[in-house]
Amino acid sequence: CLVGSEMCIETEVKECGCKADIPLEIAISTITANPARILQLKDKGKIEEGCDADLCILDQDLQLVEVIARGKTVYTK
């Protein structure tokens, strides 16, 4: 996969949980909260009151089911 691409990131997050036994919330933080913190985006990367959260809803197999951005559903599988 192309480094940094959506497919590569998705694969890496899944492998963290399956192969390395890393909790899902830790694996996901590597592509959400950590980059936001590094880029000093104080209102991004977390679900918290007052933050600007775009949400990706995943199923049990970690497949993307829905995306909510700016309070509106922008993708549904």
PDB file of N, CA and C in Angstrom:
ATOM      1  N   CYS A   1       0.833  -1.183   0.000  1.00  0.00           N
ATOM      2  CA  CYS A   1       0.000   0.000   0.000  1.00  0.00           C
ATOM      3  C   CYS A   1       0.882   1.253   0.000  1.00  0.00           C
ATOM      4  N   LEU A   2       0.333   2.318  -0.479  1.00  0.00           N
ATOM      5  CA  LEU A   2       1.037   3.595  -0.530  1.00  0.00           C
ATOM      6  C   LEU A   2       1.034   4.221   0.866  1.00  0.00           C
ATOM      7  N   VAL A   3       2.192   4.505   1.410  1.00  0.00           N
ATOM      8  CA  VAL A   3       2.309   5.057   2.752  1.00  0.00           C
ATOM      9  C   VAL A   3       1.504   6.346   2.857  1.00  0.00           C
ATOM     10  N   GLY A   4       0.682   6.437   3.898  1.00  0.00           N
ATOM     11  CA  GLY A   4      -0.143   7.617   4.115  1.00  0.00           C
ATOM     12  C   GLY A   4      -1.501   7.554   3.447  1.00  0.00           C
ATOM     13  N   SER A   5      -1.706   6.561   2.587  1.00  0.00           N
ATOM     14  CA  SER A   5      -3.001   6.454   1.916  1.00  0.00           C
ATOM     15  C   SER A   5      -4.041   5.900   2.880  1.00  0.00           C
ATOM     16  N   GLU A   6      -5.307   6.141   2.569  1.00  0.00           N
ATOM     17  CA  GLU A   6      -6.396   5.666   3.420  1.00  0.00           C
ATOM     18  C   GLU A   6      -6.341   4.156   3.611  1.00  0.00           C
ATOM     19  N   MET A   7      -6.101   3.420   2.543  1.00  0.00           N
ATOM     20  CA  MET A   7      -6.055   1.960   2.620  1.00  0.00           C
ATOM     21  C   MET A   7      -4.909   1.492   3.505  1.00  0.00           C
ATOM     22  N   CYS A   8      -3.755   2.131   3.400  1.00  0.00           N
ATOM     23  CA  CYS A   8      -2.601   1.746   4.197  1.00  0.00           C
ATOM     24  C   CYS A   8      -2.866   2.028   5.674  1.00  0.00           C
ATOM     25  N   ILE A   9      -3.417   3.181   5.978  1.00  0.00           N
ATOM     26  CA  ILE A   9      -3.705   3.548   7.363  1.00  0.00           C
ATOM     27  C   ILE A   9      -4.715   2.576   7.961  1.00  0.00           C
ATOM     28  N   GLU A  10      -5.763   2.262   7.218  1.00  0.00           N
ATOM     29  CA  GLU A  10      -6.778   1.328   7.687  1.00  0.00           C
ATOM     30  C   GLU A  10      -6.156  -0.036   7.986  1.00  0.00           C
ATOM     31  N   THR A  11      -5.315  -0.512   7.093  1.00  0.00           N
ATOM     32  CA  THR A  11      -4.651  -1.799   7.275  1.00  0.00           C
ATOM     33  C   THR A  11      -3.765  -1.785   8.514  1.00  0.00           C
ATOM     34  N   GLU A  12      -3.004  -0.729   8.691  1.00  0.00           N
ATOM     35  CA  GLU A  12      -2.099  -0.637   9.835  1.00  0.00           C
ATOM     36  C   GLU A  12      -2.857  -0.617  11.156  1.00  0.00           C
ATOM     37  N   VAL A  13      -3.951   0.125  11.219  1.00  0.00           N
ATOM     38  CA  VAL A  13      -4.742   0.172  12.453  1.00  0.00           C
ATOM     39  C   VAL A  13      -5.295  -1.213  12.769  1.00  0.00           C
ATOM     40  N   LYS A  14      -5.817  -1.907  11.766  1.00  0.00           N
ATOM     41  CA  LYS A  14      -6.352  -3.255  11.976  1.00  0.00           C
ATOM     42  C   LYS A  14      -5.258  -4.199  12.453  1.00  0.00           C
ATOM     43  N   GLU A  15      -4.080  -4.119  11.864  1.00  0.00           N
ATOM     44  CA  GLU A  15      -2.994  -5.009  12.233  1.00  0.00           C
ATOM     45  C   GLU A  15      -2.482  -4.740  13.645  1.00  0.00           C
ATOM     46  N   CYS A  16      -2.570  -3.511  14.094  1.00  0.00           N
ATOM     47  CA  CYS A  16      -2.170  -3.203  15.471  1.00  0.00           C
ATOM     48  C   CYS A  16      -2.978  -4.038  16.454  1.00  0.00           C
ATOM     49  N   GLY A  17      -4.275  -4.127  16.215  1.00  0.00           N
ATOM     50  CA  GLY A  17      -5.138  -4.882  17.107  1.00  0.00           C
ATOM     51  C   GLY A  17      -4.997  -6.378  16.942  1.00  0.00           C
ATOM     52  N   CYS A  18      -4.914  -6.827  15.707  1.00  0.00           N
ATOM     53  CA  CYS A  18      -4.890  -8.264  15.441  1.00  0.00           C
ATOM     54  C   CYS A  18      -3.528  -8.891  15.703  1.00  0.00           C
ATOM     55  N   LYS A  19      -2.481  -8.292  15.200  1.00  0.00           N
ATOM     56  CA  LYS A  19      -1.144  -8.893  15.277  1.00  0.00           C
ATOM     57  C   LYS A  19      -0.345  -8.451  16.497  1.00  0.00           C
ATOM     58  N   ALA A  20      -0.518  -7.210  16.904  1.00  0.00           N
ATOM     59  CA  ALA A  20       0.302  -6.691  18.008  1.00  0.00           C
ATOM     60  C   ALA A  20      -0.474  -6.602  19.319  1.00  0.00           C
ATOM     61  N   ASP A  21      -1.748  -6.961  19.300  1.00  0.00           N
ATOM     62  CA  ASP A  21      -2.587  -6.946  20.495  1.00  0.00           C
ATOM     63  C   ASP A  21      -2.618  -5.568  21.166  1.00  0.00           C
ATOM     64  N   ILE A  22      -2.646  -4.540  20.341  1.00  0.00           N
ATOM     65  CA  ILE A  22      -2.752  -3.166  20.833  1.00  0.00           C
ATOM     66  C   ILE A  22      -4.235  -2.817  20.905  1.00  0.00           C
ATOM     67  N   PRO A  23      -4.698  -2.254  22.029  1.00  0.00           N
ATOM     68  CA  PRO A  23      -6.122  -1.894  22.128  1.00  0.00           C
ATOM     69  C   PRO A  23      -6.534  -0.941  21.000  1.00  0.00           C
ATOM     70  N   LEU A  24      -7.753  -1.130  20.507  1.00  0.00           N
ATOM     71  CA  LEU A  24      -8.248  -0.351  19.373  1.00  0.00           C
ATOM     72  C   LEU A  24      -8.180   1.150  19.627  1.00  0.00           C
ATOM     73  N   GLU A  25      -8.526   1.599  20.836  1.00  0.00           N
ATOM     74  CA  GLU A  25      -8.508   3.037  21.118  1.00  0.00           C
ATOM     75  C   GLU A  25      -7.096   3.618  21.030  1.00  0.00           C
ATOM     76  N   ILE A  26      -6.089   2.832  21.341  1.00  0.00           N
ATOM     77  CA  ILE A  26      -4.693   3.279  21.212  1.00  0.00           C
ATOM     78  C   ILE A  26      -4.308   3.314  19.735  1.00  0.00           C
ATOM     79  N   ALA A  27      -4.664   2.273  18.998  1.00  0.00           N
ATOM     80  CA  ALA A  27      -4.338   2.217  17.569  1.00  0.00           C
ATOM     81  C   ALA A  27      -4.990   3.373  16.815  1.00  0.00           C
ATOM     82  N   ILE A  28      -6.245   3.653  17.109  1.00  0.00           N
ATOM     83  CA  ILE A  28      -6.955   4.723  16.416  1.00  0.00           C
ATOM     84  C   ILE A  28      -6.385   6.094  16.777  1.00  0.00           C
ATOM     85  N   SER A  29      -5.907   6.244  17.997  1.00  0.00           N
ATOM     86  CA  SER A  29      -5.351   7.547  18.398  1.00  0.00           C
ATOM     87  C   SER A  29      -4.130   7.930  17.565  1.00  0.00           C
ATOM     88  N   THR A  30      -3.481   6.948  16.964  1.00  0.00           N
ATOM     89  CA  THR A  30      -2.303   7.251  16.126  1.00  0.00           C
ATOM     90  C   THR A  30      -2.692   7.969  14.831  1.00  0.00           C
ATOM     91  N   ILE A  31      -3.976   7.894  14.465  1.00  0.00           N
ATOM     92  CA  ILE A  31      -4.426   8.599  13.255  1.00  0.00           C
ATOM     93  C   ILE A  31      -5.458   9.675  13.558  1.00  0.00           C
ATOM     94  N   THR A  32      -5.700   9.931  14.860  1.00  0.00           N
ATOM     95  CA  THR A  32      -6.679  10.954  15.240  1.00  0.00           C
ATOM     96  C   THR A  32      -6.060  11.959  16.204  1.00  0.00           C
ATOM     97  N   ALA A  33      -6.034  11.625  17.468  1.00  0.00           N
ATOM     98  CA  ALA A  33      -5.569  12.552  18.512  1.00  0.00           C
ATOM     99  C   ALA A  33      -4.095  12.898  18.390  1.00  0.00           C
ATOM    100  N   ASN A  34      -3.251  11.938  18.087  1.00  0.00           N
ATOM    101  CA  ASN A  34      -1.807  12.212  18.016  1.00  0.00           C
ATOM    102  C   ASN A  34      -1.454  13.213  16.912  1.00  0.00           C
ATOM    103  N   PRO A  35      -1.915  13.027  15.673  1.00  0.00           N
ATOM    104  CA  PRO A  35      -1.610  14.025  14.638  1.00  0.00           C
ATOM    105  C   PRO A  35      -2.181  15.405  14.975  1.00  0.00           C
ATOM    106  N   ALA A  36      -3.391  15.445  15.537  1.00  0.00           N
ATOM    107  CA  ALA A  36      -3.988  16.734  15.904  1.00  0.00           C
ATOM    108  C   ALA A  36      -3.132  17.437  16.951  1.00  0.00           C
ATOM    109  N   ARG A  37      -2.635  16.669  17.919  1.00  0.00           N
ATOM    110  CA  ARG A  37      -1.770  17.241  18.952  1.00  0.00           C
ATOM    111  C   ARG A  37      -0.467  17.753  18.358  1.00  0.00           C
ATOM    112  N   ILE A  38       0.146  16.958  17.501  1.00  0.00           N
ATOM    113  CA  ILE A  38       1.413  17.340  16.869  1.00  0.00           C
ATOM    114  C   ILE A  38       1.241  18.605  16.028  1.00  0.00           C
ATOM    115  N   LEU A  39       0.113  18.701  15.329  1.00  0.00           N
ATOM    116  CA  LEU A  39      -0.161  19.871  14.490  1.00  0.00           C
ATOM    117  C   LEU A  39      -0.776  21.031  15.272  1.00  0.00           C
ATOM    118  N   GLN A  40      -0.897  20.853  16.578  1.00  0.00           N
ATOM    119  CA  GLN A  40      -1.444  21.869  17.479  1.00  0.00           C
ATOM    120  C   GLN A  40      -2.852  22.302  17.076  1.00  0.00           C
ATOM    121  N   LEU A  41      -3.669  21.329  16.685  1.00  0.00           N
ATOM    122  CA  LEU A  41      -5.073  21.562  16.358  1.00  0.00           C
ATOM    123  C   LEU A  41      -5.892  21.228  17.597  1.00  0.00           C
ATOM    124  N   LYS A  42      -6.033  22.199  18.495  1.00  0.00           N
ATOM    125  CA  LYS A  42      -6.586  21.933  19.817  1.00  0.00           C
ATOM    126  C   LYS A  42      -8.032  21.437  19.811  1.00  0.00           C
ATOM    127  N   ASP A  43      -8.800  21.729  18.787  1.00  0.00           N
ATOM    128  CA  ASP A  43     -10.200  21.315  18.750  1.00  0.00           C
ATOM    129  C   ASP A  43     -10.446  20.139  17.812  1.00  0.00           C
ATOM    130  N   LYS A  44      -9.407  19.403  17.468  1.00  0.00           N
ATOM    131  CA  LYS A  44      -9.531  18.269  16.540  1.00  0.00           C
ATOM    132  C   LYS A  44      -8.982  16.997  17.192  1.00  0.00           C
ATOM    133  N   GLY A  45      -9.370  15.861  16.623  1.00  0.00           N
ATOM    134  CA  GLY A  45      -8.781  14.588  17.006  1.00  0.00           C
ATOM    135  C   GLY A  45      -9.378  13.912  18.212  1.00  0.00           C
ATOM    136  N   LYS A  46     -10.437  14.477  18.770  1.00  0.00           N
ATOM    137  CA  LYS A  46     -11.061  13.859  19.937  1.00  0.00           C
ATOM    138  C   LYS A  46     -12.547  14.174  19.947  1.00  0.00           C
ATOM    139  N   ILE A  47     -13.291  13.325  20.623  1.00  0.00           N
ATOM    140  CA  ILE A  47     -14.720  13.542  20.784  1.00  0.00           C
ATOM    141  C   ILE A  47     -14.902  14.115  22.180  1.00  0.00           C
ATOM    142  N   GLU A  48     -15.181  15.401  22.220  1.00  0.00           N
ATOM    143  CA  GLU A  48     -15.276  16.106  23.493  1.00  0.00           C
ATOM    144  C   GLU A  48     -16.106  17.374  23.276  1.00  0.00           C
ATOM    145  N   GLU A  49     -16.823  17.794  24.301  1.00  0.00           N
ATOM    146  CA  GLU A  49     -17.630  19.009  24.194  1.00  0.00           C
ATOM    147  C   GLU A  49     -16.754  20.181  23.768  1.00  0.00           C
ATOM    148  N   GLY A  50     -17.232  20.925  22.768  1.00  0.00           N
ATOM    149  CA  GLY A  50     -16.502  22.083  22.268  1.00  0.00           C
ATOM    150  C   GLY A  50     -15.514  21.778  21.162  1.00  0.00           C
ATOM    151  N   CYS A  51     -15.338  20.494  20.845  1.00  0.00           N
ATOM    152  CA  CYS A  51     -14.401  20.116  19.787  1.00  0.00           C
ATOM    153  C   CYS A  51     -15.135  19.925  18.462  1.00  0.00           C
ATOM    154  N   ASP A  52     -14.401  20.092  17.382  1.00  0.00           N
ATOM    155  CA  ASP A  52     -14.923  19.946  16.033  1.00  0.00           C
ATOM    156  C   ASP A  52     -14.611  18.523  15.570  1.00  0.00           C
ATOM    157  N   ALA A  53     -15.567  17.622  15.739  1.00  0.00           N
ATOM    158  CA  ALA A  53     -15.313  16.217  15.434  1.00  0.00           C
ATOM    159  C   ALA A  53     -16.029  15.779  14.163  1.00  0.00           C
ATOM    160  N   ASP A  54     -15.283  15.230  13.236  1.00  0.00           N
ATOM    161  CA  ASP A  54     -15.847  14.503  12.103  1.00  0.00           C
ATOM    162  C   ASP A  54     -15.728  13.040  12.509  1.00  0.00           C
ATOM    163  N   LEU A  55     -16.807  12.294  12.385  1.00  0.00           N
ATOM    164  CA  LEU A  55     -16.839  10.934  12.896  1.00  0.00           C
ATOM    165  C   LEU A  55     -16.876   9.903  11.775  1.00  0.00           C
ATOM    166  N   CYS A  56     -16.078   8.863  11.930  1.00  0.00           N
ATOM    167  CA  CYS A  56     -16.117   7.699  11.046  1.00  0.00           C
ATOM    168  C   CYS A  56     -16.673   6.553  11.878  1.00  0.00           C
ATOM    169  N   ILE A  57     -17.804   6.017  11.462  1.00  0.00           N
ATOM    170  CA  ILE A  57     -18.448   4.919  12.164  1.00  0.00           C
ATOM    171  C   ILE A  57     -18.003   3.621  11.499  1.00  0.00           C
ATOM    172  N   LEU A  58     -17.474   2.709  12.308  1.00  0.00           N
ATOM    173  CA  LEU A  58     -16.964   1.430  11.811  1.00  0.00           C
ATOM    174  C   LEU A  58     -17.827   0.291  12.323  1.00  0.00           C
ATOM    175  N   ASP A  59     -17.878  -0.808  11.565  1.00  0.00           N
ATOM    176  CA  ASP A  59     -18.587  -1.992  12.039  1.00  0.00           C
ATOM    177  C   ASP A  59     -17.613  -2.864  12.836  1.00  0.00           C
ATOM    178  N   GLN A  60     -18.044  -4.040  13.247  1.00  0.00           N
ATOM    179  CA  GLN A  60     -17.207  -4.923  14.071  1.00  0.00           C
ATOM    180  C   GLN A  60     -15.948  -5.392  13.349  1.00  0.00           C
ATOM    181  N   ASP A  61     -15.969  -5.373  12.018  1.00  0.00           N
ATOM    182  CA  ASP A  61     -14.805  -5.764  11.230  1.00  0.00           C
ATOM    183  C   ASP A  61     -13.937  -4.563  10.875  1.00  0.00           C
ATOM    184  N   LEU A  62     -14.238  -3.422  11.485  1.00  0.00           N
ATOM    185  CA  LEU A  62     -13.529  -2.157  11.262  1.00  0.00           C
ATOM    186  C   LEU A  62     -13.671  -1.651   9.832  1.00  0.00           C
ATOM    187  N   GLN A  63     -14.802  -1.982   9.208  1.00  0.00           N
ATOM    188  CA  GLN A  63     -15.106  -1.471   7.880  1.00  0.00           C
ATOM    189  C   GLN A  63     -15.900  -0.181   8.044  1.00  0.00           C
ATOM    190  N   LEU A  64     -15.614   0.806   7.220  1.00  0.00           N
ATOM    191  CA  LEU A  64     -16.291   2.089   7.287  1.00  0.00           C
ATOM    192  C   LEU A  64     -17.758   1.931   6.903  1.00  0.00           C
ATOM    193  N   VAL A  65     -18.649   2.409   7.769  1.00  0.00           N
ATOM    194  CA  VAL A  65     -20.084   2.294   7.543  1.00  0.00           C
ATOM    195  C   VAL A  65     -20.708   3.658   7.290  1.00  0.00           C
ATOM    196  N   GLU A  66     -20.216   4.680   8.007  1.00  0.00           N
ATOM    197  CA  GLU A  66     -20.816   6.008   7.899  1.00  0.00           C
ATOM    198  C   GLU A  66     -19.778   7.064   8.271  1.00  0.00           C
ATOM    199  N   VAL A  67     -19.895   8.224   7.636  1.00  0.00           N
ATOM    200  CA  VAL A  67     -19.053   9.364   7.977  1.00  0.00           C
ATOM    201  C   VAL A  67     -19.970  10.548   8.252  1.00  0.00           C
ATOM    202  N   ILE A  68     -19.742  11.195   9.394  1.00  0.00           N
ATOM    203  CA  ILE A  68     -20.498  12.380   9.770  1.00  0.00           C
ATOM    204  C   ILE A  68     -19.519  13.536   9.856  1.00  0.00           C
ATOM    205  N   ALA A  69     -19.766  14.577   9.079  1.00  0.00           N
ATOM    206  CA  ALA A  69     -18.895  15.754   9.062  1.00  0.00           C
ATOM    207  C   ALA A  69     -19.763  17.003   9.198  1.00  0.00           C
ATOM    208  N   ARG A  70     -19.340  17.885  10.071  1.00  0.00           N
ATOM    209  CA  ARG A  70     -20.085  19.125  10.323  1.00  0.00           C
ATOM    210  C   ARG A  70     -21.546  18.853  10.680  1.00  0.00           C
ATOM    211  N   GLY A  71     -21.763  17.748  11.405  1.00  0.00           N
ATOM    212  CA  GLY A  71     -23.098  17.413  11.875  1.00  0.00           C
ATOM    213  C   GLY A  71     -24.012  16.751  10.872  1.00  0.00           C
ATOM    214  N   LYS A  72     -23.503  16.451   9.674  1.00  0.00           N
ATOM    215  CA  LYS A  72     -24.335  15.829   8.635  1.00  0.00           C
ATOM    216  C   LYS A  72     -23.668  14.550   8.127  1.00  0.00           C
ATOM    217  N   THR A  73     -24.489  13.558   7.827  1.00  0.00           N
ATOM    218  CA  THR A  73     -23.981  12.333   7.246  1.00  0.00           C
ATOM    219  C   THR A  73     -23.537  12.631   5.819  1.00  0.00           C
ATOM    220  N   VAL A  74     -22.272  12.357   5.534  1.00  0.00           N
ATOM    221  CA  VAL A  74     -21.736  12.614   4.190  1.00  0.00           C
ATOM    222  C   VAL A  74     -21.406  11.322   3.445  1.00  0.00           C
ATOM    223  N   TYR A  75     -21.466  10.204   4.167  1.00  0.00           N
ATOM    224  CA  TYR A  75     -21.244   8.903   3.521  1.00  0.00           C
ATOM    225  C   TYR A  75     -21.975   7.839   4.321  1.00  0.00           C
ATOM    226  N   THR A  76     -22.659   6.950   3.617  1.00  0.00           N
ATOM    227  CA  THR A  76     -23.286   5.776   4.215  1.00  0.00           C
ATOM    228  C   THR A  76     -23.028   4.611   3.287  1.00  0.00           C
ATOM    229  N   LYS A  77     -22.612   3.516   3.855  1.00  0.00           N
ATOM    230  CA  LYS A  77     -22.324   2.318   3.062  1.00  0.00           C
ATOM    231  C   LYS A  77     -23.602   1.698   2.590  1.00  0.00           C
TER     232      LYS A  77
END
